[in-house]
C-alpha atoms as a PDB file:
ATOM      1  CA  UNK A   1       9.299 -20.269  -3.520  1.00  0.00           C
ATOM      2  CA  UNK A   2       8.889 -19.188  -7.119  1.00  0.00           C
ATOM      3  CA  UNK A   3       8.686 -15.773  -8.651  1.00  0.00           C
ATOM      4  CA  UNK A   4       4.928 -16.047  -9.135  1.00  0.00           C
ATOM      5  CA  UNK A   5       4.298 -16.745  -5.440  1.00  0.00           C
ATOM      6  CA  UNK A   6       6.578 -13.867  -4.469  1.00  0.00           C
ATOM      7  CA  UNK A   7       4.705 -11.452  -6.729  1.00  0.00           C
ATOM      8  CA  UNK A   8       1.325 -12.577  -5.385  1.00  0.00           C
ATOM      9  CA  UNK A   9       2.427 -12.143  -1.766  1.00  0.00           C
ATOM     10  CA  UNK A  10       3.961  -8.753  -2.558  1.00  0.00           C
ATOM     11  CA  UNK A  11       0.824  -7.612  -4.401  1.00  0.00           C
ATOM     12  CA  UNK A  12      -1.422  -8.644  -1.513  1.00  0.00           C
ATOM     13  CA  UNK A  13       0.759  -6.899   1.077  1.00  0.00           C
ATOM     14  CA  UNK A  14       0.918  -3.679  -0.935  1.00  0.00           C
ATOM     15  CA  UNK A  15      -2.859  -3.931  -1.442  1.00  0.00           C
ATOM     16  CA  UNK A  16      -3.468  -4.205   2.301  1.00  0.00           C
ATOM     17  CA  UNK A  17      -1.223  -1.219   2.986  1.00  0.00           C
ATOM     18  CA  UNK A  18      -3.001   0.784   0.266  1.00  0.00           C
ATOM     19  CA  UNK A  19      -6.378   0.002   1.860  1.00  0.00           C
ATOM     20  CA  UNK A  20      -5.081   1.141   5.252  1.00  0.00           C
ATOM     21  CA  UNK A  21      -3.904   4.441   3.740  1.00  0.00           C
ATOM     22  CA  UNK A  22      -7.314   4.855   2.093  1.00  0.00           C
ATOM     23  CA  UNK A  23      -9.106   4.200   5.388  1.00  0.00           C
ATOM     24  CA  UNK A  24      -6.914   6.781   7.121  1.00  0.00           C
ATOM     25  CA  UNK A  25      -7.867   9.310   4.459  1.00  0.00           C
ATOM     26  CA  UNK A  26     -11.584   8.529   4.674  1.00  0.00           C
ATOM     27  CA  UNK A  27     -11.844   8.484   8.474  1.00  0.00           C
ATOM     28  CA  UNK A  28      -9.147  11.140   9.133  1.00  0.00           C
ATOM     29  CA  UNK A  29      -7.358   8.882  11.623  1.00  0.00           C
ATOM     30  CA  UNK A  30      -4.540  10.684  13.418  1.00  0.00           C
ATOM     31  CA  UNK A  31      -1.072   9.156  13.235  1.00  0.00           C
ATOM     32  CA  UNK A  32       1.731   9.931  15.620  1.00  0.00           C
ATOM     33  CA  UNK A  33       5.214   8.402  15.706  1.00  0.00           C
ATOM     34  CA  UNK A  34       6.849   9.275  18.986  1.00  0.00           C
ATOM     35  CA  UNK A  35       6.195  12.979  19.370  1.00  0.00           C
ATOM     36  CA  UNK A  36       5.802  13.683  15.643  1.00  0.00           C
ATOM     37  CA  UNK A  37       2.334  13.999  14.109  1.00  0.00           C
ATOM     38  CA  UNK A  38       2.233  12.566  10.576  1.00  0.00           C
ATOM     39  CA  UNK A  39       0.121  14.736   8.231  1.00  0.00           C
ATOM     40  CA  UNK A  40      -2.695  13.272   6.131  1.00  0.00           C
ATOM     41  CA  UNK A  41      -0.864  14.202   2.907  1.00  0.00           C
ATOM     42  CA  UNK A  42       1.642  11.428   3.688  1.00  0.00           C
ATOM     43  CA  UNK A  43      -1.186   8.912   3.349  1.00  0.00           C
ATOM     44  CA  UNK A  44      -2.091  10.389  -0.036  1.00  0.00           C
ATOM     45  CA  UNK A  45       1.420   9.685  -1.266  1.00  0.00           C
ATOM     46  CA  UNK A  46       1.443   6.315   0.481  1.00  0.00           C
ATOM     47  CA  UNK A  47      -1.836   5.337  -1.147  1.00  0.00           C
ATOM     48  CA  UNK A  48      -0.598   6.275  -4.591  1.00  0.00           C
ATOM     49  CA  UNK A  49       2.722   4.451  -4.269  1.00  0.00           C
ATOM     50  CA  UNK A  50       1.370   1.271  -2.689  1.00  0.00           C
ATOM     51  CA  UNK A  51      -1.576   1.046  -5.095  1.00  0.00           C
ATOM     52  CA  UNK A  52       0.765   1.353  -8.082  1.00  0.00           C
ATOM     53  CA  UNK A  53       3.086  -1.311  -6.667  1.00  0.00           C
ATOM     54  CA  UNK A  54       0.117  -3.617  -5.982  1.00  0.00           C
ATOM     55  CA  UNK A  55      -1.217  -3.283  -9.522  1.00  0.00           C
ATOM     56  CA  UNK A  56       2.274  -3.681 -10.973  1.00  0.00           C
ATOM     57  CA  UNK A  57       2.830  -6.937  -9.032  1.00  0.00           C
ATOM     58  CA  UNK A  58      -0.461  -8.428 -10.258  1.00  0.00           C
ATOM     59  CA  UNK A  59       0.239  -7.329 -13.829  1.00  0.00           C
ATOM     60  CA  UNK A  60       3.551  -9.168 -13.665  1.00  0.00           C
ATOM     61  CA  UNK A  61       1.768 -12.264 -12.319  1.00  0.00           C
ATOM     62  CA  UNK A  62      -0.716 -12.121 -15.196  1.00  0.00           C
ATOM     63  CA  UNK A  63       2.113 -11.794 -17.705  1.00  0.00           C
ATOM     64  CA  UNK A  64       3.903 -14.961 -16.513  1.00  0.00           C
END
């Protein structure tokens, strides 16, 4: 597998995760891991990070 394919797959996966964070923010879905409730602000940070990584991956694909 080449670098281009890796970047495309990575960009798509980060894009999907970013969309899931966005949906959690829009619909206020609760998230609980074990007995710990995860606050909505975590999805704000998650959305920002995964969206940046998604865009970065596709920019690298376009550059190659």
